[in-house]
Amino acid sequence: MTLAEEDLSTLVDTWLDWRQAADLLGVSEAKVRTMVREHELAAAVPVPGQGPRIPAAFFDDGGQPVKGLSGLITMLHDGRFDDREIIAWLFLDDDLPGRPIDALRENRGSEVKRRAQAMAL
């Protein structure tokens, strides 16, 4: 199964819609859409018929994007991954140990970035 075929609704526990993400960040919904377009965040449609959503795990306890996330998203986009593939990769267990998103959240991003860079090349 490719990353694009992963069932995001089973990989990601909690999703935020534009309004919820905007409220968390203290910005407008338009700003959230801009952040996704500029690869500061990634969004996907986890369940057909729903609108795009952002994984709640992309935000730290202070309501800001997890440190290193935007650079990682940009790097993977440069390697021709789309948001759906990026989200799937971040939430799959990649023997780090654990999922890449967990490593980022725990400030263990160096290995995640190294692996992402190898994938993007």
Protein backbone atom coordinates (compact mmCIF):
# COMPACT_ATOMS: atom_id res chain seq x y z
CA MET A 1 0.00 0.00 0.00
CA THR A 2 1.30 3.44 -0.91
CA LEU A 3 1.15 6.45 1.37
CA ALA A 4 -1.60 7.95 -0.80
CA GLU A 5 -3.76 4.85 -0.21
CA GLU A 6 -3.50 4.89 3.59
CA ASP A 7 -6.78 5.37 5.47
CA LEU A 8 -6.12 8.65 7.25
CA SER A 9 -9.26 8.30 9.35
CA THR A 10 -7.67 5.34 11.14
CA LEU A 11 -4.15 6.80 11.36
CA VAL A 12 -5.06 10.15 12.93
CA ASP A 13 -7.12 10.20 16.13
CA THR A 14 -8.22 13.83 16.22
CA TRP A 15 -8.78 16.26 13.36
CA LEU A 16 -9.47 19.99 13.39
CA ASP A 17 -11.53 21.82 10.79
CA TRP A 18 -10.50 25.30 9.61
CA ARG A 19 -12.49 27.05 12.35
CA GLN A 20 -11.05 24.92 15.16
CA ALA A 21 -7.50 25.39 13.88
CA ALA A 22 -8.05 29.13 13.52
CA ASP A 23 -9.40 29.38 17.06
CA LEU A 24 -6.44 27.42 18.42
CA LEU A 25 -3.94 29.64 16.60
CA GLY A 26 -5.85 32.87 17.27
CA VAL A 27 -6.04 33.70 13.55
CA SER A 28 -8.70 33.76 10.81
CA GLU A 29 -9.78 30.72 8.79
CA ALA A 30 -8.27 32.44 5.74
CA LYS A 31 -4.91 32.55 7.52
CA VAL A 32 -5.16 28.80 8.24
CA ARG A 33 -5.81 28.13 4.55
CA THR A 34 -2.79 30.31 3.70
CA MET A 35 -0.66 28.36 6.19
CA VAL A 36 -1.67 25.11 4.47
CA ARG A 37 -1.02 26.55 1.01
CA GLU A 38 2.42 27.80 2.13
CA HIS A 39 3.25 24.40 3.68
CA GLU A 40 3.35 25.60 7.28
CA LEU A 41 0.64 23.02 7.95
CA ALA A 42 -0.79 20.09 5.97
CA ALA A 43 -4.46 19.22 5.51
CA ALA A 44 -6.42 16.39 3.93
CA VAL A 45 -9.93 15.03 3.68
CA PRO A 46 -9.88 12.08 6.10
CA VAL A 47 -13.42 10.90 5.34
CA PRO A 48 -15.09 11.37 1.94
CA GLY A 49 -17.78 14.03 2.12
CA GLN A 50 -16.04 15.98 4.88
CA GLY A 51 -14.06 19.10 4.24
CA PRO A 52 -10.31 19.28 4.69
CA ARG A 53 -8.99 18.78 8.20
CA ILE A 54 -5.67 19.28 9.99
CA PRO A 55 -4.38 16.70 12.47
CA ALA A 56 -4.65 18.07 16.02
CA ALA A 57 -1.24 16.52 16.76
CA PHE A 58 0.30 19.18 14.49
CA PHE A 59 -0.14 21.65 17.36
CA ASP A 60 1.84 21.77 20.60
CA ASP A 61 0.30 22.27 24.02
CA GLY A 62 0.54 26.04 23.55
CA GLY A 63 -1.58 25.90 20.39
CA GLN A 64 1.27 26.57 17.97
CA PRO A 65 2.49 24.32 15.14
CA VAL A 66 4.95 21.70 16.40
CA LYS A 67 8.57 22.83 16.12
CA GLY A 68 10.14 21.68 12.86
CA LEU A 69 6.85 20.69 11.24
CA SER A 70 6.72 23.40 8.56
CA GLY A 71 10.28 22.72 7.41
CA LEU A 72 9.55 19.01 7.21
CA ILE A 73 6.35 19.60 5.23
CA THR A 74 8.19 21.91 2.83
CA MET A 75 11.00 19.38 2.36
CA LEU A 76 8.54 16.59 1.56
CA HIS A 77 6.54 18.84 -0.79
CA ASP A 78 9.80 19.63 -2.60
CA GLY A 79 10.21 15.85 -2.95
CA ARG A 80 6.80 15.73 -4.67
CA PHE A 81 4.77 14.38 -1.75
CA ASP A 82 1.27 15.79 -1.36
CA ASP A 83 -0.38 16.69 1.95
CA ARG A 84 -2.20 13.36 2.18
CA GLU A 85 1.05 11.39 1.75
CA ILE A 86 2.87 13.65 4.23
CA ILE A 87 0.19 13.15 6.87
CA ALA A 88 0.19 9.38 6.31
CA TRP A 89 3.99 9.21 6.66
CA LEU A 90 3.99 11.31 9.82
CA PHE A 91 1.42 9.03 11.47
CA LEU A 92 2.83 5.64 10.44
CA ASP A 93 5.22 3.83 12.75
CA ASP A 94 8.59 4.26 11.04
CA ASP A 95 10.81 2.44 13.58
CA LEU A 96 12.18 5.67 15.07
CA PRO A 97 10.90 4.21 17.56
CA GLY A 98 7.34 5.28 17.04
CA ARG A 99 5.66 7.63 14.65
CA PRO A 100 7.49 10.62 13.17
CA ILE A 101 4.85 13.03 14.52
CA ASP A 102 5.53 11.76 18.05
CA ALA A 103 9.26 12.26 17.61
CA LEU A 104 8.65 15.85 16.44
CA ARG A 105 6.34 16.52 19.38
CA GLU A 106 8.99 15.16 21.77
CA ASN A 107 11.70 17.41 20.27
CA ARG A 108 13.44 14.45 18.60
CA GLY A 109 13.15 15.88 15.11
CA SER A 110 16.69 15.35 13.82
CA GLU A 111 16.16 11.71 12.85
CA VAL A 112 12.73 12.49 11.39
CA LYS A 113 14.24 15.22 9.21
CA ARG A 114 17.09 12.94 8.11
CA ARG A 115 14.64 10.22 7.03
CA ALA A 116 12.36 12.73 5.31
CA GLN A 117 15.31 14.18 3.44
CA ALA A 118 16.32 10.70 2.23
CA MET A 119 12.75 10.04 1.06
CA ALA A 120 12.46 13.40 -0.70
CA LEU A 121 15.59 12.88 -2.80
